[in-house]
Full PDB file with SEQRES, HELIX, SHEET, SSBOND, CRYST1, ORIGX, SCALE, CONECT and MASTER records, all heavy atoms in Angstrom:
SEQRES   1 A   36  MET ILE HIS MET ILE LEU ILE THR VAL LEU TYR LEU ILE          
SEQRES   2 A   36  SER LEU THR LEU ILE ILE VAL ILE PHE ILE ARG PHE LYS          
SEQRES   3 A   36  ASN LYS ILE LYS SER ILE LYS PHE HIS SER                      
HELIX    1 AA1 ILE A    2  LYS A   28  1                                  27    
HELIX    2 AA2 ILE A   29  SER A   31  5                                   3    
CRYST1    1.000    1.000    1.000  90.00  90.00  90.00 P 1           1          
ORIGX1      1.000000  0.000000  0.000000        0.00000                         
ORIGX2      0.000000  1.000000  0.000000        0.00000                         
ORIGX3      0.000000  0.000000  1.000000        0.00000                         
SCALE1      1.000000  0.000000  0.000000        0.00000                         
SCALE2      0.000000  1.000000  0.000000        0.00000                         
SCALE3      0.000000  0.000000  1.000000        0.00000                         
ATOM      1  N   MET A   1       0.832  -1.196   0.000  1.00  0.00           N  
ATOM      2  CA  MET A   1       0.000   0.000   0.000  1.00  0.00           C  
ATOM      3  C   MET A   1       0.881   1.266   0.000  1.00  0.00           C  
ATOM      4  O   MET A   1       0.642   2.201  -0.770  1.00  0.00           O  
ATOM      5  CB  MET A   1      -0.925   0.012   1.212  1.00  0.00           C  
ATOM      6  CG  MET A   1      -2.021  -1.051   1.157  1.00  0.00           C  
ATOM      7  SD  MET A   1      -3.141  -0.801  -0.250  1.00  0.00           S  
ATOM      8  CE  MET A   1      -3.859   0.790   0.187  1.00  0.00           C  
ATOM      9  N   ILE A   2       1.889   1.264   0.846  1.00  0.00           N  
ATOM     10  CA  ILE A   2       2.802   2.412   0.899  1.00  0.00           C  
ATOM     11  C   ILE A   2       3.531   2.562  -0.447  1.00  0.00           C  
ATOM     12  O   ILE A   2       3.674   3.681  -0.972  1.00  0.00           O  
ATOM     13  CB  ILE A   2       3.817   2.247   2.046  1.00  0.00           C  
ATOM     14  CG1 ILE A   2       3.105   2.258   3.392  1.00  0.00           C  
ATOM     15  CG2 ILE A   2       4.864   3.355   2.001  1.00  0.00           C  
ATOM     16  CD1 ILE A   2       4.018   2.010   4.572  1.00  0.00           C  
ATOM     17  N   HIS A   3       3.964   1.431  -0.964  1.00  0.00           N  
ATOM     18  CA  HIS A   3       4.694   1.413  -2.232  1.00  0.00           C  
ATOM     19  C   HIS A   3       3.861   2.031  -3.357  1.00  0.00           C  
ATOM     20  O   HIS A   3       4.337   2.940  -4.066  1.00  0.00           O  
ATOM     21  CB  HIS A   3       5.060  -0.043  -2.576  1.00  0.00           C  
ATOM     22  CG  HIS A   3       5.689  -0.207  -3.926  1.00  0.00           C  
ATOM     23  ND1 HIS A   3       7.000   0.140  -4.176  1.00  0.00           N  
ATOM     24  CD2 HIS A   3       5.179  -0.685  -5.093  1.00  0.00           C  
ATOM     25  CE1 HIS A   3       7.280  -0.120  -5.442  1.00  0.00           C  
ATOM     26  NE2 HIS A   3       6.192  -0.627  -6.016  1.00  0.00           N  
ATOM     27  N   MET A   4       2.627   1.575  -3.522  1.00  0.00           N  
ATOM     28  CA  MET A   4       1.775   2.045  -4.607  1.00  0.00           C  
ATOM     29  C   MET A   4       1.389   3.516  -4.426  1.00  0.00           C  
ATOM     30  O   MET A   4       1.328   4.279  -5.402  1.00  0.00           O  
ATOM     31  CB  MET A   4       0.519   1.182  -4.719  1.00  0.00           C  
ATOM     32  CG  MET A   4       0.789  -0.238  -5.199  1.00  0.00           C  
ATOM     33  SD  MET A   4       1.731  -0.302  -6.772  1.00  0.00           S  
ATOM     34  CE  MET A   4       0.590   0.558  -7.878  1.00  0.00           C  
ATOM     35  N   ILE A   5       1.129   3.918  -3.210  1.00  0.00           N  
ATOM     36  CA  ILE A   5       0.755   5.321  -2.961  1.00  0.00           C  
ATOM     37  C   ILE A   5       1.921   6.254  -3.304  1.00  0.00           C  
ATOM     38  O   ILE A   5       1.741   7.264  -3.996  1.00  0.00           O  
ATOM     39  CB  ILE A   5       0.313   5.516  -1.491  1.00  0.00           C  
ATOM     40  CG1 ILE A   5      -1.027   4.825  -1.251  1.00  0.00           C  
ATOM     41  CG2 ILE A   5       0.203   7.009  -1.158  1.00  0.00           C  
ATOM     42  CD1 ILE A   5      -1.437   4.784   0.213  1.00  0.00           C  
ATOM     43  N   LEU A   6       3.109   5.879  -2.841  1.00  0.00           N  
ATOM     44  CA  LEU A   6       4.271   6.741  -3.070  1.00  0.00           C  
ATOM     45  C   LEU A   6       4.626   6.850  -4.554  1.00  0.00           C  
ATOM     46  O   LEU A   6       4.832   7.948  -5.071  1.00  0.00           O  
ATOM     47  CB  LEU A   6       5.473   6.214  -2.284  1.00  0.00           C  
ATOM     48  CG  LEU A   6       5.499   6.548  -0.789  1.00  0.00           C  
ATOM     49  CD1 LEU A   6       6.700   5.896  -0.123  1.00  0.00           C  
ATOM     50  CD2 LEU A   6       5.555   8.051  -0.571  1.00  0.00           C  
ATOM     51  N   ILE A   7       4.699   5.720  -5.246  1.00  0.00           N  
ATOM     52  CA  ILE A   7       5.107   5.800  -6.662  1.00  0.00           C  
ATOM     53  C   ILE A   7       4.002   6.425  -7.507  1.00  0.00           C  
ATOM     54  O   ILE A   7       4.289   7.076  -8.524  1.00  0.00           O  
ATOM     55  CB  ILE A   7       5.518   4.416  -7.218  1.00  0.00           C  
ATOM     56  CG1 ILE A   7       4.324   3.458  -7.316  1.00  0.00           C  
ATOM     57  CG2 ILE A   7       6.653   3.813  -6.409  1.00  0.00           C  
ATOM     58  CD1 ILE A   7       4.646   2.182  -8.083  1.00  0.00           C  
ATOM     59  N   THR A   8       2.739   6.273  -7.103  1.00  0.00           N  
ATOM     60  CA  THR A   8       1.652   6.916  -7.846  1.00  0.00           C  
ATOM     61  C   THR A   8       1.708   8.430  -7.681  1.00  0.00           C  
ATOM     62  O   THR A   8       1.523   9.175  -8.651  1.00  0.00           O  
ATOM     63  CB  THR A   8       0.284   6.393  -7.377  1.00  0.00           C  
ATOM     64  OG1 THR A   8       0.225   4.974  -7.583  1.00  0.00           O  
ATOM     65  CG2 THR A   8      -0.851   7.056  -8.152  1.00  0.00           C  
ATOM     66  N   VAL A   9       1.974   8.889  -6.470  1.00  0.00           N  
ATOM     67  CA  VAL A   9       2.102  10.330  -6.218  1.00  0.00           C  
ATOM     68  C   VAL A   9       3.266  10.906  -7.026  1.00  0.00           C  
ATOM     69  O   VAL A   9       3.142  11.953  -7.679  1.00  0.00           O  
ATOM     70  CB  VAL A   9       2.295  10.607  -4.708  1.00  0.00           C  
ATOM     71  CG1 VAL A   9       2.689  12.066  -4.488  1.00  0.00           C  
ATOM     72  CG2 VAL A   9       1.024  10.294  -3.944  1.00  0.00           C  
ATOM     73  N   LEU A  10       4.403  10.221  -7.010  1.00  0.00           N  
ATOM     74  CA  LEU A  10       5.566  10.682  -7.768  1.00  0.00           C  
ATOM     75  C   LEU A  10       5.297  10.658  -9.267  1.00  0.00           C  
ATOM     76  O   LEU A  10       5.726  11.563 -10.001  1.00  0.00           O  
ATOM     77  CB  LEU A  10       6.788   9.812  -7.441  1.00  0.00           C  
ATOM     78  CG  LEU A  10       7.409  10.006  -6.063  1.00  0.00           C  
ATOM     79  CD1 LEU A  10       8.459   8.931  -5.787  1.00  0.00           C  
ATOM     80  CD2 LEU A  10       8.042  11.395  -5.947  1.00  0.00           C  
ATOM     81  N   TYR A  11       4.583   9.645  -9.712  1.00  0.00           N  
ATOM     82  CA  TYR A  11       4.222   9.533 -11.129  1.00  0.00           C  
ATOM     83  C   TYR A  11       3.348  10.705 -11.559  1.00  0.00           C  
ATOM     84  O   TYR A  11       3.582  11.322 -12.611  1.00  0.00           O  
ATOM     85  CB  TYR A  11       3.519   8.204 -11.369  1.00  0.00           C  
ATOM     86  CG  TYR A  11       2.926   8.043 -12.746  1.00  0.00           C  
ATOM     87  CD1 TYR A  11       3.743   8.011 -13.882  1.00  0.00           C  
ATOM     88  CD2 TYR A  11       1.547   7.907 -12.922  1.00  0.00           C  
ATOM     89  CE1 TYR A  11       3.200   7.852 -15.144  1.00  0.00           C  
ATOM     90  CE2 TYR A  11       0.999   7.746 -14.181  1.00  0.00           C  
ATOM     91  CZ  TYR A  11       1.825   7.720 -15.288  1.00  0.00           C  
ATOM     92  OH  TYR A  11       1.289   7.572 -16.544  1.00  0.00           O  
ATOM     93  N   LEU A  12       2.351  11.042 -10.754  1.00  0.00           N  
ATOM     94  CA  LEU A  12       1.451  12.157 -11.078  1.00  0.00           C  
ATOM     95  C   LEU A  12       2.189  13.495 -11.039  1.00  0.00           C  
ATOM     96  O   LEU A  12       1.925  14.382 -11.860  1.00  0.00           O  
ATOM     97  CB  LEU A  12       0.268  12.169 -10.108  1.00  0.00           C  
ATOM     98  CG  LEU A  12      -0.695  10.975 -10.223  1.00  0.00           C  
ATOM     99  CD1 LEU A  12      -1.771  11.053  -9.134  1.00  0.00           C  
ATOM    100  CD2 LEU A  12      -1.340  10.934 -11.608  1.00  0.00           C  
ATOM    101  N   ILE A  13       3.121  13.633 -10.095  1.00  0.00           N  
ATOM    102  CA  ILE A  13       3.940  14.852 -10.042  1.00  0.00           C  
ATOM    103  C   ILE A  13       4.775  14.985 -11.311  1.00  0.00           C  
ATOM    104  O   ILE A  13       4.881  16.077 -11.894  1.00  0.00           O  
ATOM    105  CB  ILE A  13       4.847  14.841  -8.796  1.00  0.00           C  
ATOM    106  CG1 ILE A  13       4.009  15.000  -7.529  1.00  0.00           C  
ATOM    107  CG2 ILE A  13       5.883  15.967  -8.875  1.00  0.00           C  
ATOM    108  CD1 ILE A  13       4.804  14.838  -6.239  1.00  0.00           C  
ATOM    109  N   SER A  14       5.355  13.881 -11.757  1.00  0.00           N  
ATOM    110  CA  SER A  14       6.183  13.888 -12.971  1.00  0.00           C  
ATOM    111  C   SER A  14       5.359  14.273 -14.198  1.00  0.00           C  
ATOM    112  O   SER A  14       5.792  15.091 -15.012  1.00  0.00           O  
ATOM    113  CB  SER A  14       6.826  12.521 -13.190  1.00  0.00           C  
ATOM    114  OG  SER A  14       7.683  12.194 -12.125  1.00  0.00           O  
ATOM    115  N   LEU A  15       4.173  13.666 -14.329  1.00  0.00           N  
ATOM    116  CA  LEU A  15       3.305  14.005 -15.468  1.00  0.00           C  
ATOM    117  C   LEU A  15       2.886  15.470 -15.416  1.00  0.00           C  
ATOM    118  O   LEU A  15       2.822  16.142 -16.454  1.00  0.00           O  
ATOM    119  CB  LEU A  15       2.071  13.104 -15.472  1.00  0.00           C  
ATOM    120  CG  LEU A  15       2.277  11.642 -15.879  1.00  0.00           C  
ATOM    121  CD1 LEU A  15       0.947  10.919 -15.915  1.00  0.00           C  
ATOM    122  CD2 LEU A  15       2.967  11.535 -17.242  1.00  0.00           C  
ATOM    123  N   THR A  16       2.584  15.953 -14.227  1.00  0.00           N  
ATOM    124  CA  THR A  16       2.200  17.364 -14.080  1.00  0.00           C  
ATOM    125  C   THR A  16       3.340  18.284 -14.502  1.00  0.00           C  
ATOM    126  O   THR A  16       3.121  19.289 -15.199  1.00  0.00           O  
ATOM    127  CB  THR A  16       1.806  17.663 -12.620  1.00  0.00           C  
ATOM    128  OG1 THR A  16       0.738  16.805 -12.234  1.00  0.00           O  
ATOM    129  CG2 THR A  16       1.365  19.121 -12.472  1.00  0.00           C  
ATOM    130  N   LEU A  17       4.570  17.932 -14.101  1.00  0.00           N  
ATOM    131  CA  LEU A  17       5.729  18.720 -14.492  1.00  0.00           C  
ATOM    132  C   LEU A  17       5.903  18.738 -16.008  1.00  0.00           C  
ATOM    133  O   LEU A  17       6.191  19.784 -16.600  1.00  0.00           O  
ATOM    134  CB  LEU A  17       6.989  18.149 -13.839  1.00  0.00           C  
ATOM    135  CG  LEU A  17       7.250  18.532 -12.383  1.00  0.00           C  
ATOM    136  CD1 LEU A  17       8.459  17.769 -11.853  1.00  0.00           C  
ATOM    137  CD2 LEU A  17       7.480  20.028 -12.258  1.00  0.00           C  
ATOM    138  N   ILE A  18       5.731  17.589 -16.630  1.00  0.00           N  
ATOM    139  CA  ILE A  18       5.865  17.501 -18.086  1.00  0.00           C  
ATOM    140  C   ILE A  18       4.828  18.383 -18.773  1.00  0.00           C  
ATOM    141  O   ILE A  18       5.128  19.109 -19.728  1.00  0.00           O  
ATOM    142  CB  ILE A  18       5.733  16.039 -18.558  1.00  0.00           C  
ATOM    143  CG1 ILE A  18       6.924  15.215 -18.068  1.00  0.00           C  
ATOM    144  CG2 ILE A  18       5.640  15.960 -20.081  1.00  0.00           C  
ATOM    145  CD1 ILE A  18       6.785  13.724 -18.278  1.00  0.00           C  
ATOM    146  N   ILE A  19       3.588  18.333 -18.281  1.00  0.00           N  
ATOM    147  CA  ILE A  19       2.522  19.151 -18.875  1.00  0.00           C  
ATOM    148  C   ILE A  19       2.813  20.637 -18.705  1.00  0.00           C  
ATOM    149  O   ILE A  19       2.657  21.432 -19.647  1.00  0.00           O  
ATOM    150  CB  ILE A  19       1.158  18.784 -18.245  1.00  0.00           C  
ATOM    151  CG1 ILE A  19       0.764  17.357 -18.640  1.00  0.00           C  
ATOM    152  CG2 ILE A  19       0.070  19.776 -18.685  1.00  0.00           C  
ATOM    153  CD1 ILE A  19      -0.427  16.827 -17.876  1.00  0.00           C  
ATOM    154  N   VAL A  20       3.248  21.032 -17.498  1.00  0.00           N  
ATOM    155  CA  VAL A  20       3.564  22.446 -17.237  1.00  0.00           C  
ATOM    156  C   VAL A  20       4.713  22.922 -18.129  1.00  0.00           C  
ATOM    157  O   VAL A  20       4.635  23.996 -18.746  1.00  0.00           O  
ATOM    158  CB  VAL A  20       3.914  22.654 -15.748  1.00  0.00           C  
ATOM    159  CG1 VAL A  20       4.481  24.051 -15.518  1.00  0.00           C  
ATOM    160  CG2 VAL A  20       2.687  22.436 -14.880  1.00  0.00           C  
ATOM    161  N   ILE A  21       5.780  22.119 -18.216  1.00  0.00           N  
ATOM    162  CA  ILE A  21       6.932  22.481 -19.049  1.00  0.00           C  
ATOM    163  C   ILE A  21       6.531  22.539 -20.517  1.00  0.00           C  
ATOM    164  O   ILE A  21       6.960  23.437 -21.256  1.00  0.00           O  
ATOM    165  CB  ILE A  21       8.082  21.468 -18.846  1.00  0.00           C  
ATOM    166  CG1 ILE A  21       8.602  21.542 -17.411  1.00  0.00           C  
ATOM    167  CG2 ILE A  21       9.223  21.743 -19.816  1.00  0.00           C  
ATOM    168  CD1 ILE A  21       9.572  20.428 -17.064  1.00  0.00           C  
ATOM    169  N   PHE A  22       5.681  21.594 -20.929  1.00  0.00           N  
ATOM    170  CA  PHE A  22       5.213  21.554 -22.318  1.00  0.00           C  
ATOM    171  C   PHE A  22       4.431  22.819 -22.662  1.00  0.00           C  
ATOM    172  O   PHE A  22       4.637  23.435 -23.717  1.00  0.00           O  
ATOM    173  CB  PHE A  22       4.343  20.312 -22.533  1.00  0.00           C  
ATOM    174  CG  PHE A  22       3.699  20.248 -23.888  1.00  0.00           C  
ATOM    175  CD1 PHE A  22       4.415  19.818 -24.986  1.00  0.00           C  
ATOM    176  CD2 PHE A  22       2.370  20.628 -24.061  1.00  0.00           C  
ATOM    177  CE1 PHE A  22       3.823  19.759 -26.241  1.00  0.00           C  
ATOM    178  CE2 PHE A  22       1.780  20.578 -25.303  1.00  0.00           C  
ATOM    179  CZ  PHE A  22       2.503  20.139 -26.395  1.00  0.00           C  
ATOM    180  N   ILE A  23       3.504  23.218 -21.791  1.00  0.00           N  
ATOM    181  CA  ILE A  23       2.681  24.410 -22.040  1.00  0.00           C  
ATOM    182  C   ILE A  23       3.547  25.668 -22.085  1.00  0.00           C  
ATOM    183  O   ILE A  23       3.370  26.529 -22.956  1.00  0.00           O  
ATOM    184  CB  ILE A  23       1.582  24.538 -20.963  1.00  0.00           C  
ATOM    185  CG1 ILE A  23       0.570  23.390 -21.102  1.00  0.00           C  
ATOM    186  CG2 ILE A  23       0.865  25.887 -21.076  1.00  0.00           C  
ATOM    187  CD1 ILE A  23      -0.442  23.322 -19.981  1.00  0.00           C  
ATOM    188  N   ARG A  24       4.485  25.769 -21.140  1.00  0.00           N  
ATOM    189  CA  ARG A  24       5.376  26.939 -21.116  1.00  0.00           C  
ATOM    190  C   ARG A  24       6.243  27.002 -22.368  1.00  0.00           C  
ATOM    191  O   ARG A  24       6.457  28.082 -22.944  1.00  0.00           O  
ATOM    192  CB  ARG A  24       6.261  26.907 -19.872  1.00  0.00           C  
ATOM    193  CG  ARG A  24       5.515  27.132 -18.567  1.00  0.00           C  
ATOM    194  CD  ARG A  24       6.453  27.253 -17.390  1.00  0.00           C  
ATOM    195  NE  ARG A  24       7.308  28.411 -17.517  1.00  0.00           N  
ATOM    196  CZ  ARG A  24       8.255  28.741 -16.627  1.00  0.00           C  
ATOM    197  NH1 ARG A  24       8.449  27.969 -15.559  1.00  0.00           N  
ATOM    198  NH2 ARG A  24       9.002  29.815 -16.801  1.00  0.00           N  
ATOM    199  N   PHE A  25       6.727  25.843 -22.818  1.00  0.00           N  
ATOM    200  CA  PHE A  25       7.538  25.803 -24.025  1.00  0.00           C  
ATOM    201  C   PHE A  25       6.703  26.154 -25.257  1.00  0.00           C  
ATOM    202  O   PHE A  25       7.163  26.894 -26.137  1.00  0.00           O  
ATOM    203  CB  PHE A  25       8.157  24.418 -24.196  1.00  0.00           C  
ATOM    204  CG  PHE A  25       8.999  24.283 -25.427  1.00  0.00           C  
ATOM    205  CD1 PHE A  25      10.280  24.823 -25.464  1.00  0.00           C  
ATOM    206  CD2 PHE A  25       8.518  23.629 -26.556  1.00  0.00           C  
ATOM    207  CE1 PHE A  25      11.065  24.711 -26.603  1.00  0.00           C  
ATOM    208  CE2 PHE A  25       9.294  23.523 -27.693  1.00  0.00           C  
ATOM    209  CZ  PHE A  25      10.570  24.058 -27.720  1.00  0.00           C  
ATOM    210  N   LYS A  26       5.473  25.655 -25.300  1.00  0.00           N  
ATOM    211  CA  LYS A  26       4.586  25.936 -26.431  1.00  0.00           C  
ATOM    212  C   LYS A  26       4.302  27.430 -26.534  1.00  0.00           C  
ATOM    213  O   LYS A  26       4.277  27.999 -27.628  1.00  0.00           O  
ATOM    214  CB  LYS A  26       3.274  25.156 -26.258  1.00  0.00           C  
ATOM    215  CG  LYS A  26       2.384  25.163 -27.494  1.00  0.00           C  
ATOM    216  CD  LYS A  26       1.172  24.275 -27.277  1.00  0.00           C  
ATOM    217  CE  LYS A  26       0.303  24.266 -28.533  1.00  0.00           C  
ATOM    218  NZ  LYS A  26      -0.899  23.412 -28.342  1.00  0.00           N  
ATOM    219  N   ASN A  27       4.095  28.084 -25.383  1.00  0.00           N  
ATOM    220  CA  ASN A  27       3.872  29.533 -25.383  1.00  0.00           C  
ATOM    221  C   ASN A  27       5.140  30.288 -25.772  1.00  0.00           C  
ATOM    222  O   ASN A  27       5.078  31.337 -26.421  1.00  0.00           O  
ATOM    223  CB  ASN A  27       3.403  29.992 -24.000  1.00  0.00           C  
ATOM    224  CG  ASN A  27       2.010  29.493 -23.663  1.00  0.00           C  
ATOM    225  OD1 ASN A  27       1.186  29.259 -24.552  1.00  0.00           O  
ATOM    226  ND2 ASN A  27       1.734  29.309 -22.384  1.00  0.00           N  
ATOM    227  N   LYS A  28       6.287  29.741 -25.369  1.00  0.00           N  
ATOM    228  CA  LYS A  28       7.562  30.395 -25.650  1.00  0.00           C  
ATOM    229  C   LYS A  28       7.860  30.451 -27.139  1.00  0.00           C  
ATOM    230  O   LYS A  28       8.359  31.465 -27.646  1.00  0.00           O  
ATOM    231  CB  LYS A  28       8.693  29.668 -24.910  1.00  0.00           C  
ATOM    232  CG  LYS A  28      10.054  30.317 -25.073  1.00  0.00           C  
ATOM    233  CD  LYS A  28      11.110  29.564 -24.273  1.00  0.00           C  
ATOM    234  CE  LYS A  28      12.476  30.218 -24.408  1.00  0.00           C  
ATOM    235  NZ  LYS A  28      13.508  29.500 -23.599  1.00  0.00           N  
ATOM    236  N   ILE A  29       7.563  29.374 -27.846  1.00  0.00           N  
ATOM    237  CA  ILE A  29       7.927  29.330 -29.264  1.00  0.00           C  
ATOM    238  C   ILE A  29       6.874  29.967 -30.173  1.00  0.00           C  
ATOM    239  O   ILE A  29       7.021  29.951 -31.389  1.00  0.00           O  
ATOM    240  CB  ILE A  29       8.205  27.882 -29.731  1.00  0.00           C  
ATOM    241  CG1 ILE A  29       6.937  27.025 -29.677  1.00  0.00           C  
ATOM    242  CG2 ILE A  29       9.329  27.257 -28.935  1.00  0.00           C  
ATOM    243  CD1 ILE A  29       7.114  25.682 -30.368  1.00  0.00           C  
ATOM    244  N   LYS A  30       5.823  30.527 -29.575  1.00  0.00           N  
ATOM    245  CA  LYS A  30       4.830  31.244 -30.394  1.00  0.00           C  
ATOM    246  C   LYS A  30       5.464  32.447 -31.083  1.00  0.00           C  
ATOM    247  O   LYS A  30       4.998  32.883 -32.140  1.00  0.00           O  
ATOM    248  CB  LYS A  30       3.656  31.687 -29.525  1.00  0.00           C  
ATOM    249  CG  LYS A  30       2.682  30.569 -29.172  1.00  0.00           C  
ATOM    250  CD  LYS A  30       1.511  31.095 -28.343  1.00  0.00           C  
ATOM    251  CE  LYS A  30       0.524  29.959 -28.033  1.00  0.00           C  
ATOM    252  NZ  LYS A  30      -0.609  30.437 -27.198  1.00  0.00           N  
ATOM    253  N   SER A  31       6.500  32.996 -30.472  1.00  0.00           N  
ATOM    254  CA  SER A  31       7.182  34.153 -31.054  1.00  0.00           C  
ATOM    255  C   SER A  31       8.181  33.753 -32.135  1.00  0.00           C  
ATOM    256  O   SER A  31       8.748  34.621 -32.818  1.00  0.00           O  
ATOM    257  CB  SER A  31       7.903  34.942 -29.962  1.00  0.00           C  
ATOM    258  OG  SER A  31       8.863  34.128 -29.300  1.00  0.00           O  
ATOM    259  N   ILE A  32       8.412  32.447 -32.284  1.00  0.00           N  
ATOM    260  CA  ILE A  32       9.369  31.957 -33.279  1.00  0.00           C  
ATOM    261  C   ILE A  32       8.636  31.662 -34.591  1.00  0.00           C  
ATOM    262  O   ILE A  32       7.603  31.005 -34.599  1.00  0.00           O  
ATOM    263  CB  ILE A  32      10.082  30.685 -32.778  1.00  0.00           C  
ATOM    264  CG1 ILE A  32      10.913  31.010 -31.537  1.00  0.00           C  
ATOM    265  CG2 ILE A  32      10.975  30.110 -33.866  1.00  0.00           C  
ATOM    266  CD1 ILE A  32      11.551  29.788 -30.909  1.00  0.00           C  
ATOM    267  N   LYS A  33       9.183  32.145 -35.666  1.00  0.00           N  
ATOM    268  CA  LYS A  33       8.590  31.899 -36.973  1.00  0.00           C  
ATOM    269  C   LYS A  33       9.226  30.667 -37.604  1.00  0.00           C  
ATOM    270  O   LYS A  33      10.447  30.578 -37.728  1.00  0.00           O  
ATOM    271  CB  LYS A  33       8.788  33.108 -37.889  1.00  0.00           C  
ATOM    272  CG  LYS A  33       8.100  32.965 -39.235  1.00  0.00           C  
ATOM    273  CD  LYS A  33       8.277  34.217 -40.084  1.00  0.00           C  
ATOM    274  CE  LYS A  33       7.571  34.055 -41.425  1.00  0.00           C  
ATOM    275  NZ  LYS A  33       7.747  35.257 -42.280  1.00  0.00           N  
ATOM    276  N   PHE A  34       8.378  29.726 -38.002  1.00  0.00           N  
ATOM    277  CA  PHE A  34       8.848  28.524 -38.679  1.00  0.00           C  
ATOM    278  C   PHE A  34       8.625  28.695 -40.182  1.00  0.00           C  
ATOM    279  O   PHE A  34       7.518  29.014 -40.619  1.00  0.00           O  
ATOM    280  CB  PHE A  34       8.113  27.293 -38.153  1.00  0.00           C  
ATOM    281  CG  PHE A  34       8.504  26.931 -36.741  1.00  0.00           C  
ATOM    282  CD1 PHE A  34       7.873  27.526 -35.655  1.00  0.00           C  
ATOM    283  CD2 PHE A  34       9.508  26.010 -36.500  1.00  0.00           C  
ATOM    284  CE1 PHE A  34       8.233  27.211 -34.360  1.00  0.00           C  
ATOM    285  CE2 PHE A  34       9.881  25.681 -35.211  1.00  0.00           C  
ATOM    286  CZ  PHE A  34       9.242  26.283 -34.131  1.00  0.00           C  
ATOM    287  N   HIS A  35       9.665  28.462 -40.948  1.00  0.00           N  
ATOM    288  CA  HIS A  35       9.646  28.791 -42.372  1.00  0.00           C  
ATOM    289  C   HIS A  35       9.375  27.555 -43.234  1.00  0.00           C  
ATOM    290  O   HIS A  35       9.780  26.443 -42.907  1.00  0.00           O  
ATOM    291  CB  HIS A  35      10.974  29.417 -42.777  1.00  0.00           C  
ATOM    292  CG  HIS A  35      11.270  30.694 -42.051  1.00  0.00           C  
ATOM    293  ND1 HIS A  35      10.941  31.935 -42.535  1.00  0.00           N  
ATOM    294  CD2 HIS A  35      11.859  30.918 -40.846  1.00  0.00           C  
ATOM    295  CE1 HIS A  35      11.315  32.866 -41.677  1.00  0.00           C  
ATOM    296  NE2 HIS A  35      11.881  32.271 -40.641  1.00  0.00           N  
ATOM    297  N   SER A  36       8.722  27.797 -44.345  1.00  0.00           N  
ATOM    298  CA  SER A  36       8.385  26.728 -45.289  1.00  0.00           C  
ATOM    299  C   SER A  36       9.546  26.495 -46.247  1.00  0.00           C  
ATOM    300  O   SER A  36      10.515  27.261 -46.293  1.00  0.00           O  
ATOM    301  CB  SER A  36       7.135  27.108 -46.085  1.00  0.00           C  
ATOM    302  OG  SER A  36       7.392  28.246 -46.885  1.00  0.00           O  
TER     303      SER A  36                                                      
MASTER        0    0    0    2    0    0    0    6  302    1    0    3          
END                                                                             
């Protein structure tokens, strides 16, 4: 029970971090022009 609770909490924290970093990066590159 302790094992599953701890790794699940850490897993959700990791996914949340990835989502936050992804959103911040996506907003950051809006100012970058991608050329054809």
